[in-house]
Amino acid sequence: MEQENEKCNFLSRLSPELQEKIQALKANPPIPTWPDQKR
């Protein structure tokens, strides 16, 4: 619970635009990238 409150407090200090971007990334997290010769 304490960690969750810390997380909420941290997000609340960010700009609305950045908060929206973080929420979008949480909903659709990107797949990492790697070189063509690897998978």
PDB file of all heavy atoms in Angstrom:
ATOM      1  N   MET A   1       0.831  -1.205   0.000  1.00  0.00           N
ATOM      2  CA  MET A   1       0.000   0.000   0.000  1.00  0.00           C
ATOM      3  C   MET A   1       0.867   1.258   0.000  1.00  0.00           C
ATOM      4  O   MET A   1       0.589   2.225  -0.689  1.00  0.00           O
ATOM      5  CB  MET A   1      -0.932  -0.013   1.211  1.00  0.00           C
ATOM      6  CG  MET A   1      -1.850   1.200   1.306  1.00  0.00           C
ATOM      7  SD  MET A   1      -3.016   1.295  -0.082  1.00  0.00           S
ATOM      8  CE  MET A   1      -4.132  -0.019   0.373  1.00  0.00           C
ATOM      9  N   GLU A   2       1.939   1.230   0.832  1.00  0.00           N
ATOM     10  CA  GLU A   2       2.838   2.384   0.907  1.00  0.00           C
ATOM     11  C   GLU A   2       3.509   2.664  -0.430  1.00  0.00           C
ATOM     12  O   GLU A   2       3.612   3.804  -0.861  1.00  0.00           O
ATOM     13  CB  GLU A   2       3.900   2.134   1.982  1.00  0.00           C
ATOM     14  CG  GLU A   2       4.776   3.353   2.257  1.00  0.00           C
ATOM     15  CD  GLU A   2       5.759   3.083   3.377  1.00  0.00           C
ATOM     16  OE1 GLU A   2       5.514   2.162   4.173  1.00  0.00           O
ATOM     17  OE2 GLU A   2       6.767   3.805   3.444  1.00  0.00           O
ATOM     18  N   GLN A   3       3.925   1.578  -1.121  1.00  0.00           N
ATOM     19  CA  GLN A   3       4.551   1.746  -2.438  1.00  0.00           C
ATOM     20  C   GLN A   3       3.554   2.307  -3.440  1.00  0.00           C
ATOM     21  O   GLN A   3       3.900   3.144  -4.274  1.00  0.00           O
ATOM     22  CB  GLN A   3       5.085   0.405  -2.928  1.00  0.00           C
ATOM     23  CG  GLN A   3       6.306  -0.078  -2.165  1.00  0.00           C
ATOM     24  CD  GLN A   3       6.775  -1.437  -2.654  1.00  0.00           C
ATOM     25  OE1 GLN A   3       6.083  -2.103  -3.423  1.00  0.00           O
ATOM     26  NE2 GLN A   3       7.940  -1.847  -2.191  1.00  0.00           N
ATOM     27  N   GLU A   4       2.308   1.849  -3.365  1.00  0.00           N
ATOM     28  CA  GLU A   4       1.277   2.344  -4.277  1.00  0.00           C
ATOM     29  C   GLU A   4       1.014   3.825  -4.045  1.00  0.00           C
ATOM     30  O   GLU A   4       0.830   4.596  -4.988  1.00  0.00           O
ATOM     31  CB  GLU A   4      -0.016   1.524  -4.071  1.00  0.00           C
ATOM     32  CG  GLU A   4      -1.074   1.764  -5.138  1.00  0.00           C
ATOM     33  CD  GLU A   4      -0.618   1.325  -6.504  1.00  0.00           C
ATOM     34  OE1 GLU A   4       0.127   0.337  -6.617  1.00  0.00           O
ATOM     35  OE2 GLU A   4      -1.002   2.009  -7.475  1.00  0.00           O
ATOM     36  N   ASN A   5       0.993   4.274  -2.758  1.00  0.00           N
ATOM     37  CA  ASN A   5       0.800   5.695  -2.447  1.00  0.00           C
ATOM     38  C   ASN A   5       1.952   6.538  -2.973  1.00  0.00           C
ATOM     39  O   ASN A   5       1.752   7.637  -3.498  1.00  0.00           O
ATOM     40  CB  ASN A   5       0.663   5.884  -0.929  1.00  0.00           C
ATOM     41  CG  ASN A   5      -0.644   5.335  -0.392  1.00  0.00           C
ATOM     42  OD1 ASN A   5      -1.624   5.234  -1.140  1.00  0.00           O
ATOM     43  ND2 ASN A   5      -0.672   4.972   0.878  1.00  0.00           N
ATOM     44  N   GLU A   6       3.187   6.003  -2.839  1.00  0.00           N
ATOM     45  CA  GLU A   6       4.352   6.716  -3.376  1.00  0.00           C
ATOM     46  C   GLU A   6       4.219   6.911  -4.872  1.00  0.00           C
ATOM     47  O   GLU A   6       4.521   7.972  -5.410  1.00  0.00           O
ATOM     48  CB  GLU A   6       5.629   5.908  -3.089  1.00  0.00           C
ATOM     49  CG  GLU A   6       6.191   6.112  -1.698  1.00  0.00           C
ATOM     50  CD  GLU A   6       7.500   5.352  -1.536  1.00  0.00           C
ATOM     51  OE1 GLU A   6       8.331   5.411  -2.466  1.00  0.00           O
ATOM     52  OE2 GLU A   6       7.665   4.701  -0.507  1.00  0.00           O
ATOM     53  N   LYS A   7       3.766   5.847  -5.544  1.00  0.00           N
ATOM     54  CA  LYS A   7       3.616   5.898  -6.991  1.00  0.00           C
ATOM     55  C   LYS A   7       2.580   6.964  -7.376  1.00  0.00           C
ATOM     56  O   LYS A   7       2.796   7.766  -8.288  1.00  0.00           O
ATOM     57  CB  LYS A   7       3.170   4.524  -7.504  1.00  0.00           C
ATOM     58  CG  LYS A   7       3.332   4.342  -8.999  1.00  0.00           C
ATOM     59  CD  LYS A   7       2.769   3.007  -9.466  1.00  0.00           C
ATOM     60  CE  LYS A   7       3.423   1.830  -8.794  1.00  0.00           C
ATOM     61  NZ  LYS A   7       2.923   0.539  -9.328  1.00  0.00           N
ATOM     62  N   CYS A   8       1.437   7.005  -6.685  1.00  0.00           N
ATOM     63  CA  CYS A   8       0.375   7.980  -6.975  1.00  0.00           C
ATOM     64  C   CYS A   8       0.845   9.402  -6.707  1.00  0.00           C
ATOM     65  O   CYS A   8       0.560  10.320  -7.486  1.00  0.00           O
ATOM     66  CB  CYS A   8      -0.871   7.653  -6.154  1.00  0.00           C
ATOM     67  SG  CYS A   8      -1.678   6.114  -6.631  1.00  0.00           S
ATOM     68  N   ASN A   9       1.570   9.588  -5.589  1.00  0.00           N
ATOM     69  CA  ASN A   9       2.082  10.925  -5.263  1.00  0.00           C
ATOM     70  C   ASN A   9       3.064  11.418  -6.316  1.00  0.00           C
ATOM     71  O   ASN A   9       3.068  12.586  -6.698  1.00  0.00           O
ATOM     72  CB  ASN A   9       2.762  10.910  -3.884  1.00  0.00           C
ATOM     73  CG  ASN A   9       1.762  10.724  -2.767  1.00  0.00           C
ATOM     74  OD1 ASN A   9       0.579  11.047  -2.916  1.00  0.00           O
ATOM     75  ND2 ASN A   9       2.214  10.189  -1.631  1.00  0.00           N
ATOM     76  N   PHE A  10       3.910  10.509  -6.790  1.00  0.00           N
ATOM     77  CA  PHE A  10       4.882  10.877  -7.817  1.00  0.00           C
ATOM     78  C   PHE A  10       4.170  11.300  -9.106  1.00  0.00           C
ATOM     79  O   PHE A  10       4.484  12.337  -9.704  1.00  0.00           O
ATOM     80  CB  PHE A  10       5.811   9.689  -8.086  1.00  0.00           C
ATOM     81  CG  PHE A  10       6.681   9.872  -9.293  1.00  0.00           C
ATOM     82  CD1 PHE A  10       7.782  10.730  -9.258  1.00  0.00           C
ATOM     83  CD2 PHE A  10       6.400   9.191 -10.481  1.00  0.00           C
ATOM     84  CE1 PHE A  10       8.589  10.897 -10.373  1.00  0.00           C
ATOM     85  CE2 PHE A  10       7.203   9.359 -11.590  1.00  0.00           C
ATOM     86  CZ  PHE A  10       8.303  10.212 -11.540  1.00  0.00           C
ATOM     87  N   LEU A  11       3.159  10.526  -9.523  1.00  0.00           N
ATOM     88  CA  LEU A  11       2.442  10.839 -10.759  1.00  0.00           C
ATOM     89  C   LEU A  11       1.684  12.158 -10.654  1.00  0.00           C
ATOM     90  O   LEU A  11       1.604  12.919 -11.621  1.00  0.00           O
ATOM     91  CB  LEU A  11       1.464   9.701 -11.107  1.00  0.00           C
ATOM     92  CG  LEU A  11       2.105   8.387 -11.578  1.00  0.00           C
ATOM     93  CD1 LEU A  11       1.046   7.305 -11.729  1.00  0.00           C
ATOM     94  CD2 LEU A  11       2.834   8.587 -12.908  1.00  0.00           C
ATOM     95  N   SER A  12       1.153  12.429  -9.473  1.00  0.00           N
ATOM     96  CA  SER A  12       0.355  13.651  -9.304  1.00  0.00           C
ATOM     97  C   SER A  12       1.194  14.916  -9.454  1.00  0.00           C
ATOM     98  O   SER A  12       0.653  15.996  -9.716  1.00  0.00           O
ATOM     99  CB  SER A  12      -0.351  13.640  -7.947  1.00  0.00           C
ATOM    100  OG  SER A  12       0.599  13.701  -6.902  1.00  0.00           O
ATOM    101  N   ARG A  13       2.507  14.803  -9.270  1.00  0.00           N
ATOM    102  CA  ARG A  13       3.376  15.973  -9.396  1.00  0.00           C
ATOM    103  C   ARG A  13       3.779  16.264 -10.847  1.00  0.00           C
ATOM    104  O   ARG A  13       4.389  17.293 -11.129  1.00  0.00           O
ATOM    105  CB  ARG A  13       4.637  15.772  -8.546  1.00  0.00           C
ATOM    106  CG  ARG A  13       4.370  15.735  -7.042  1.00  0.00           C
ATOM    107  CD  ARG A  13       5.655  15.917  -6.247  1.00  0.00           C
ATOM    108  NE  ARG A  13       6.574  14.811  -6.423  1.00  0.00           N
ATOM    109  CZ  ARG A  13       6.591  13.723  -5.641  1.00  0.00           C
ATOM    110  NH1 ARG A  13       5.707  13.613  -4.648  1.00  0.00           N
ATOM    111  NH2 ARG A  13       7.468  12.767  -5.837  1.00  0.00           N
ATOM    112  N   LEU A  14       3.424  15.360 -11.758  1.00  0.00           N
ATOM    113  CA  LEU A  14       3.778  15.555 -13.165  1.00  0.00           C
ATOM    114  C   LEU A  14       2.720  16.381 -13.870  1.00  0.00           C
ATOM    115  O   LEU A  14       1.588  16.531 -13.400  1.00  0.00           O
ATOM    116  CB  LEU A  14       3.915  14.196 -13.854  1.00  0.00           C
ATOM    117  CG  LEU A  14       4.955  13.240 -13.259  1.00  0.00           C
ATOM    118  CD1 LEU A  14       4.902  11.904 -13.993  1.00  0.00           C
ATOM    119  CD2 LEU A  14       6.357  13.831 -13.324  1.00  0.00           C
ATOM    120  N   SER A  15       3.085  16.932 -15.031  1.00  0.00           N
ATOM    121  CA  SER A  15       2.123  17.706 -15.821  1.00  0.00           C
ATOM    122  C   SER A  15       1.033  16.783 -16.349  1.00  0.00           C
ATOM    123  O   SER A  15       1.263  15.580 -16.533  1.00  0.00           O
ATOM    124  CB  SER A  15       2.841  18.367 -17.001  1.00  0.00           C
ATOM    125  OG  SER A  15       3.275  17.383 -17.922  1.00  0.00           O
ATOM    126  N   PRO A  16      -0.177  17.326 -16.609  1.00  0.00           N
ATOM    127  CA  PRO A  16      -1.273  16.499 -17.139  1.00  0.00           C
ATOM    128  C   PRO A  16      -0.882  15.794 -18.436  1.00  0.00           C
ATOM    129  O   PRO A  16      -1.277  14.645 -18.662  1.00  0.00           O
ATOM    130  CB  PRO A  16      -2.400  17.505 -17.366  1.00  0.00           C
ATOM    131  CG  PRO A  16      -2.101  18.622 -16.411  1.00  0.00           C
ATOM    132  CD  PRO A  16      -0.616  18.707 -16.338  1.00  0.00           C
ATOM    133  N   GLU A  17      -0.108  16.460 -19.282  1.00  0.00           N
ATOM    134  CA  GLU A  17       0.301  15.868 -20.564  1.00  0.00           C
ATOM    135  C   GLU A  17       1.181  14.644 -20.339  1.00  0.00           C
ATOM    136  O   GLU A  17       1.021  13.612 -20.990  1.00  0.00           O
ATOM    137  CB  GLU A  17       1.056  16.898 -21.423  1.00  0.00           C
ATOM    138  CG  GLU A  17       0.220  18.059 -21.919  1.00  0.00           C
ATOM    139  CD  GLU A  17       0.003  19.123 -20.847  1.00  0.00           C
ATOM    140  OE1 GLU A  17       0.677  19.043 -19.779  1.00  0.00           O
ATOM    141  OE2 GLU A  17      -0.833  20.010 -21.072  1.00  0.00           O
ATOM    142  N   LEU A  18       2.143  14.772 -19.397  1.00  0.00           N
ATOM    143  CA  LEU A  18       3.048  13.673 -19.121  1.00  0.00           C
ATOM    144  C   LEU A  18       2.310  12.522 -18.432  1.00  0.00           C
ATOM    145  O   LEU A  18       2.572  11.346 -18.700  1.00  0.00           O
ATOM    146  CB  LEU A  18       4.206  14.150 -18.244  1.00  0.00           C
ATOM    147  CG  LEU A  18       5.405  13.194 -18.084  1.00  0.00           C
ATOM    148  CD1 LEU A  18       5.911  12.723 -19.436  1.00  0.00           C
ATOM    149  CD2 LEU A  18       6.522  13.868 -17.306  1.00  0.00           C
ATOM    150  N   GLN A  19       1.364  12.869 -17.544  1.00  0.00           N
ATOM    151  CA  GLN A  19       0.555  11.834 -16.898  1.00  0.00           C
ATOM    152  C   GLN A  19      -0.227  11.033 -17.940  1.00  0.00           C
ATOM    153  O   GLN A  19      -0.321   9.811 -17.872  1.00  0.00           O
ATOM    154  CB  GLN A  19      -0.416  12.466 -15.892  1.00  0.00           C
ATOM    155  CG  GLN A  19       0.247  13.000 -14.630  1.00  0.00           C
ATOM    156  CD  GLN A  19      -0.777  13.483 -13.622  1.00  0.00           C
ATOM    157  OE1 GLN A  19      -1.778  12.821 -13.382  1.00  0.00           O
ATOM    158  NE2 GLN A  19      -0.531  14.652 -13.030  1.00  0.00           N
ATOM    159  N   GLU A  20      -0.764  11.752 -18.921  1.00  0.00           N
ATOM    160  CA  GLU A  20      -1.544  11.096 -19.980  1.00  0.00           C
ATOM    161  C   GLU A  20      -0.657  10.171 -20.813  1.00  0.00           C
ATOM    162  O   GLU A  20      -1.050   9.060 -21.182  1.00  0.00           O
ATOM    163  CB  GLU A  20      -2.172  12.164 -20.879  1.00  0.00           C
ATOM    164  CG  GLU A  20      -3.121  11.596 -21.924  1.00  0.00           C
ATOM    165  CD  GLU A  20      -3.782  12.694 -22.748  1.00  0.00           C
ATOM    166  OE1 GLU A  20      -3.800  13.865 -22.297  1.00  0.00           O
ATOM    167  OE2 GLU A  20      -4.277  12.369 -23.837  1.00  0.00           O
ATOM    168  N   LYS A  21       0.575  10.635 -21.073  1.00  0.00           N
ATOM    169  CA  LYS A  21       1.510   9.822 -21.854  1.00  0.00           C
ATOM    170  C   LYS A  21       1.886   8.554 -21.102  1.00  0.00           C
ATOM    171  O   LYS A  21       1.969   7.465 -21.680  1.00  0.00           O
ATOM    172  CB  LYS A  21       2.767  10.641 -22.176  1.00  0.00           C
ATOM    173  CG  LYS A  21       3.727   9.947 -23.124  1.00  0.00           C
ATOM    174  CD  LYS A  21       4.870  10.868 -23.506  1.00  0.00           C
ATOM    175  CE  LYS A  21       5.807  10.177 -24.500  1.00  0.00           C
ATOM    176  NZ  LYS A  21       6.935  11.056 -24.901  1.00  0.00           N
ATOM    177  N   ILE A  22       2.114   8.674 -19.786  1.00  0.00           N
ATOM    178  CA  ILE A  22       2.472   7.512 -18.969  1.00  0.00           C
ATOM    179  C   ILE A  22       1.327   6.506 -18.936  1.00  0.00           C
ATOM    180  O   ILE A  22       1.534   5.298 -19.045  1.00  0.00           O
ATOM    181  CB  ILE A  22       2.862   7.957 -17.547  1.00  0.00           C
ATOM    182  CG1 ILE A  22       4.206   8.697 -17.570  1.00  0.00           C
ATOM    183  CG2 ILE A  22       2.933   6.762 -16.592  1.00  0.00           C
ATOM    184  CD1 ILE A  22       4.594   9.325 -16.250  1.00  0.00           C
ATOM    185  N   GLN A  23       0.109   7.014 -18.789  1.00  0.00           N
ATOM    186  CA  GLN A  23      -1.050   6.119 -18.772  1.00  0.00           C
ATOM    187  C   GLN A  23      -1.217   5.403 -20.104  1.00  0.00           C
ATOM    188  O   GLN A  23      -1.585   4.218 -20.150  1.00  0.00           O
ATOM    189  CB  GLN A  23      -2.323   6.907 -18.435  1.00  0.00           C
ATOM    190  CG  GLN A  23      -2.374   7.448 -17.019  1.00  0.00           C
ATOM    191  CD  GLN A  23      -2.272   6.353 -15.965  1.00  0.00           C
ATOM    192  OE1 GLN A  23      -2.762   5.240 -16.157  1.00  0.00           O
ATOM    193  NE2 GLN A  23      -1.625   6.657 -14.839  1.00  0.00           N
ATOM    194  N   ALA A  24      -0.936   6.107 -21.214  1.00  0.00           N
ATOM    195  CA  ALA A  24      -1.029   5.497 -22.541  1.00  0.00           C
ATOM    196  C   ALA A  24       0.010   4.389 -22.703  1.00  0.00           C
ATOM    197  O   ALA A  24      -0.268   3.332 -23.279  1.00  0.00           O
ATOM    198  CB  ALA A  24      -0.852   6.552 -23.627  1.00  0.00           C
ATOM    199  N   LEU A  25       1.224   4.636 -22.183  1.00  0.00           N
ATOM    200  CA  LEU A  25       2.271   3.630 -22.261  1.00  0.00           C
ATOM    201  C   LEU A  25       1.942   2.415 -21.412  1.00  0.00           C
ATOM    202  O   LEU A  25       2.265   1.275 -21.762  1.00  0.00           O
ATOM    203  CB  LEU A  25       3.621   4.224 -21.826  1.00  0.00           C
ATOM    204  CG  LEU A  25       4.298   5.158 -22.828  1.00  0.00           C
ATOM    205  CD1 LEU A  25       5.507   5.828 -22.189  1.00  0.00           C
ATOM    206  CD2 LEU A  25       4.719   4.405 -24.083  1.00  0.00           C
ATOM    207  N   LYS A  26       1.283   2.642 -20.255  1.00  0.00           N
ATOM    208  CA  LYS A  26       0.877   1.522 -19.412  1.00  0.00           C
ATOM    209  C   LYS A  26      -0.177   0.675 -20.113  1.00  0.00           C
ATOM    210  O   LYS A  26      -0.189  -0.540 -20.008  1.00  0.00           O
ATOM    211  CB  LYS A  26       0.331   2.040 -18.076  1.00  0.00           C
ATOM    212  CG  LYS A  26       1.412   2.534 -17.123  1.00  0.00           C
ATOM    213  CD  LYS A  26       0.820   3.117 -15.860  1.00  0.00           C
ATOM    214  CE  LYS A  26       0.128   2.068 -15.020  1.00  0.00           C
ATOM    215  NZ  LYS A  26      -0.403   2.609 -13.757  1.00  0.00           N
ATOM    216  N   ALA A  27      -1.089   1.343 -20.842  1.00  0.00           N
ATOM    217  CA  ALA A  27      -2.148   0.625 -21.553  1.00  0.00           C
ATOM    218  C   ALA A  27      -1.601  -0.110 -22.777  1.00  0.00           C
ATOM    219  O   ALA A  27      -2.064  -1.197 -23.118  1.00  0.00           O
ATOM    220  CB  ALA A  27      -3.245   1.601 -21.972  1.00  0.00           C
ATOM    221  N   ASN A  28      -0.615   0.495 -23.466  1.00  0.00           N
ATOM    222  CA  ASN A  28      -0.026  -0.098 -24.659  1.00  0.00           C
ATOM    223  C   ASN A  28       1.498  -0.034 -24.567  1.00  0.00           C
ATOM    224  O   ASN A  28       2.139   0.748 -25.273  1.00  0.00           O
ATOM    225  CB  ASN A  28      -0.497   0.634 -25.924  1.00  0.00           C
ATOM    226  CG  ASN A  28      -1.979   0.447 -26.161  1.00  0.00           C
ATOM    227  OD1 ASN A  28      -2.435  -0.624 -26.506  1.00  0.00           O
ATOM    228  ND2 ASN A  28      -2.738   1.527 -25.957  1.00  0.00           N
ATOM    229  N   PRO A  29       2.106  -0.819 -23.697  1.00  0.00           N
ATOM    230  CA  PRO A  29       3.560  -0.748 -23.538  1.00  0.00           C
ATOM    231  C   PRO A  29       4.269  -1.186 -24.815  1.00  0.00           C
ATOM    232  O   PRO A  29       3.831  -2.129 -25.482  1.00  0.00           O
ATOM    233  CB  PRO A  29       3.837  -1.724 -22.390  1.00  0.00           C
ATOM    234  CG  PRO A  29       2.674  -2.646 -22.385  1.00  0.00           C
ATOM    235  CD  PRO A  29       1.501  -1.847 -22.847  1.00  0.00           C
ATOM    236  N   PRO A  30       5.362  -0.517 -25.179  1.00  0.00           N
ATOM    237  CA  PRO A  30       6.070  -0.877 -26.413  1.00  0.00           C
ATOM    238  C   PRO A  30       6.887  -2.152 -26.237  1.00  0.00           C
ATOM    239  O   PRO A  30       7.324  -2.487 -25.133  1.00  0.00           O
ATOM    240  CB  PRO A  30       6.991   0.326 -26.640  1.00  0.00           C
ATOM    241  CG  PRO A  30       7.239   0.877 -25.266  1.00  0.00           C
ATOM    242  CD  PRO A  30       5.974   0.638 -24.493  1.00  0.00           C
ATOM    243  N   ILE A  31       7.073  -2.875 -27.332  1.00  0.00           N
ATOM    244  CA  ILE A  31       7.965  -4.035 -27.334  1.00  0.00           C
ATOM    245  C   ILE A  31       9.389  -3.505 -27.447  1.00  0.00           C
ATOM    246  O   ILE A  31       9.655  -2.584 -28.216  1.00  0.00           O
ATOM    247  CB  ILE A  31       7.624  -4.957 -28.523  1.00  0.00           C
ATOM    248  CG1 ILE A  31       6.235  -5.569 -28.328  1.00  0.00           C
ATOM    249  CG2 ILE A  31       8.667  -6.060 -28.678  1.00  0.00           C
ATOM    250  CD1 ILE A  31       5.734  -6.354 -29.513  1.00  0.00           C
ATOM    251  N   PRO A  32      10.345  -4.056 -26.688  1.00  0.00           N
ATOM    252  CA  PRO A  32      11.735  -3.604 -26.810  1.00  0.00           C
ATOM    253  C   PRO A  32      12.256  -3.806 -28.230  1.00  0.00           C
ATOM    254  O   PRO A  32      11.671  -4.541 -29.035  1.00  0.00           O
ATOM    255  CB  PRO A  32      12.490  -4.492 -25.816  1.00  0.00           C
ATOM    256  CG  PRO A  32      11.454  -5.046 -24.915  1.00  0.00           C
ATOM    257  CD  PRO A  32      10.192  -5.132 -25.700  1.00  0.00           C
ATOM    258  N   THR A  33      13.363  -3.178 -28.549  1.00  0.00           N
ATOM    259  CA  THR A  33      13.983  -3.352 -29.861  1.00  0.00           C
ATOM    260  C   THR A  33      15.324  -4.068 -29.699  1.00  0.00           C
ATOM    261  O   THR A  33      15.909  -4.067 -28.616  1.00  0.00           O
ATOM    262  CB  THR A  33      14.204  -2.000 -30.560  1.00  0.00           C
ATOM    263  OG1 THR A  33      15.012  -1.163 -29.717  1.00  0.00           O
ATOM    264  CG2 THR A  33      12.868  -1.301 -30.827  1.00  0.00           C
ATOM    265  N   TRP A  34      15.795  -4.661 -30.774  1.00  0.00           N
ATOM    266  CA  TRP A  34      17.054  -5.397 -30.777  1.00  0.00           C
ATOM    267  C   TRP A  34      17.608  -5.388 -32.203  1.00  0.00           C
ATOM    268  O   TRP A  34      16.888  -5.071 -33.158  1.00  0.00           O
ATOM    269  CB  TRP A  34      16.830  -6.838 -30.293  1.00  0.00           C
ATOM    270  CG  TRP A  34      15.636  -7.491 -30.905  1.00  0.00           C
ATOM    271  CD1 TRP A  34      15.553  -8.064 -32.143  1.00  0.00           C
ATOM    272  CD2 TRP A  34      14.312  -7.600 -30.328  1.00  0.00           C
ATOM    273  NE1 TRP A  34      14.283  -8.533 -32.377  1.00  0.00           N
ATOM    274  CE2 TRP A  34      13.510  -8.264 -31.284  1.00  0.00           C
ATOM    275  CE3 TRP A  34      13.750  -7.224 -29.104  1.00  0.00           C
ATOM    276  CZ2 TRP A  34      12.164  -8.552 -31.039  1.00  0.00           C
ATOM    277  CZ3 TRP A  34      12.409  -7.504 -28.884  1.00  0.00           C
ATOM    278  CH2 TRP A  34      11.631  -8.163 -29.834  1.00  0.00           C
ATOM    279  N   PRO A  35      18.872  -5.756 -32.382  1.00  0.00           N
ATOM    280  CA  PRO A  35      19.472  -5.756 -33.731  1.00  0.00           C
ATOM    281  C   PRO A  35      18.797  -6.757 -34.662  1.00  0.00           C
ATOM    282  O   PRO A  35      18.190  -7.739 -34.214  1.00  0.00           O
ATOM    283  CB  PRO A  35      20.933  -6.157 -33.472  1.00  0.00           C
ATOM    284  CG  PRO A  35      21.161  -5.883 -32.031  1.00  0.00           C
ATOM    285  CD  PRO A  35      19.849  -6.080 -31.336  1.00  0.00           C
ATOM    286  N   ASP A  36      18.925  -6.542 -35.963  1.00  0.00           N
ATOM    287  CA  ASP A  36      18.289  -7.405 -36.958  1.00  0.00           C
ATOM    288  C   ASP A  36      18.743  -8.856 -36.877  1.00  0.00           C
ATOM    289  O   ASP A  36      17.977  -9.764 -37.200  1.00  0.00           O
ATOM    290  CB  ASP A  36      18.555  -6.881 -38.377  1.00  0.00           C
ATOM    291  CG  ASP A  36      17.577  -5.781 -38.765  1.00  0.00           C
ATOM    292  OD1 ASP A  36      16.509  -5.686 -38.126  1.00  0.00           O
ATOM    293  OD2 ASP A  36      17.880  -5.022 -39.696  1.00  0.00           O
ATOM    294  N   GLN A  37      19.996  -9.069 -36.471  1.00  0.00           N
ATOM    295  CA  GLN A  37      20.521 -10.440 -36.442  1.00  0.00           C
ATOM    296  C   GLN A  37      20.098 -11.209 -35.196  1.00  0.00           C
ATOM    297  O   GLN A  37      20.479 -12.363 -35.016  1.00  0.00           O
ATOM    298  CB  GLN A  37      22.051 -10.439 -36.561  1.00  0.00           C
ATOM    299  CG  GLN A  37      22.791  -9.853 -35.371  1.00  0.00           C
ATOM    300  CD  GLN A  37      23.024  -8.350 -35.497  1.00  0.00           C
ATOM    301  OE1 GLN A  37      22.289  -7.674 -36.214  1.00  0.00           O
ATOM    302  NE2 GLN A  37      24.055  -7.844 -34.839  1.00  0.00           N
ATOM    303  N   LYS A  38      19.297 -10.571 -34.330  1.00  0.00           N
ATOM    304  CA  LYS A  38      18.832 -11.230 -33.107  1.00  0.00           C
ATOM    305  C   LYS A  38      17.314 -11.228 -33.040  1.00  0.00           C
ATOM    306  O   LYS A  38      16.641 -10.547 -33.810  1.00  0.00           O
ATOM    307  CB  LYS A  38      19.427 -10.529 -31.882  1.00  0.00           C
ATOM    308  CG  LYS A  38      20.956 -10.611 -31.828  1.00  0.00           C
ATOM    309  CD  LYS A  38      21.504 -10.007 -30.548  1.00  0.00           C
ATOM    310  CE  LYS A  38      23.027 -10.140 -30.505  1.00  0.00           C
ATOM    311  NZ  LYS A  38      23.598  -9.589 -29.260  1.00  0.00           N
ATOM    312  N   ARG A  39      16.789 -12.003 -32.086  1.00  0.00           N
ATOM    313  CA  ARG A  39      15.350 -12.030 -31.839  1.00  0.00           C
ATOM    314  C   ARG A  39      15.140 -11.958 -30.323  1.00  0.00           C
ATOM    315  O   ARG A  39      15.711 -12.748 -29.570  1.00  0.00           O
ATOM    316  CB  ARG A  39      14.705 -13.310 -32.380  1.00  0.00           C
ATOM    317  CG  ARG A  39      14.779 -13.462 -33.895  1.00  0.00           C
ATOM    318  CD  ARG A  39      13.957 -12.397 -34.612  1.00  0.00           C
ATOM    319  NE  ARG A  39      13.971 -12.568 -36.056  1.00  0.00           N
ATOM    320  CZ  ARG A  39      14.874 -12.020 -36.865  1.00  0.00           C
ATOM    321  NH1 ARG A  39      15.856 -11.278 -36.361  1.00  0.00           N
ATOM    322  NH2 ARG A  39      14.803 -12.199 -38.167  1.00  0.00           N
TER     323      ARG A  39
END
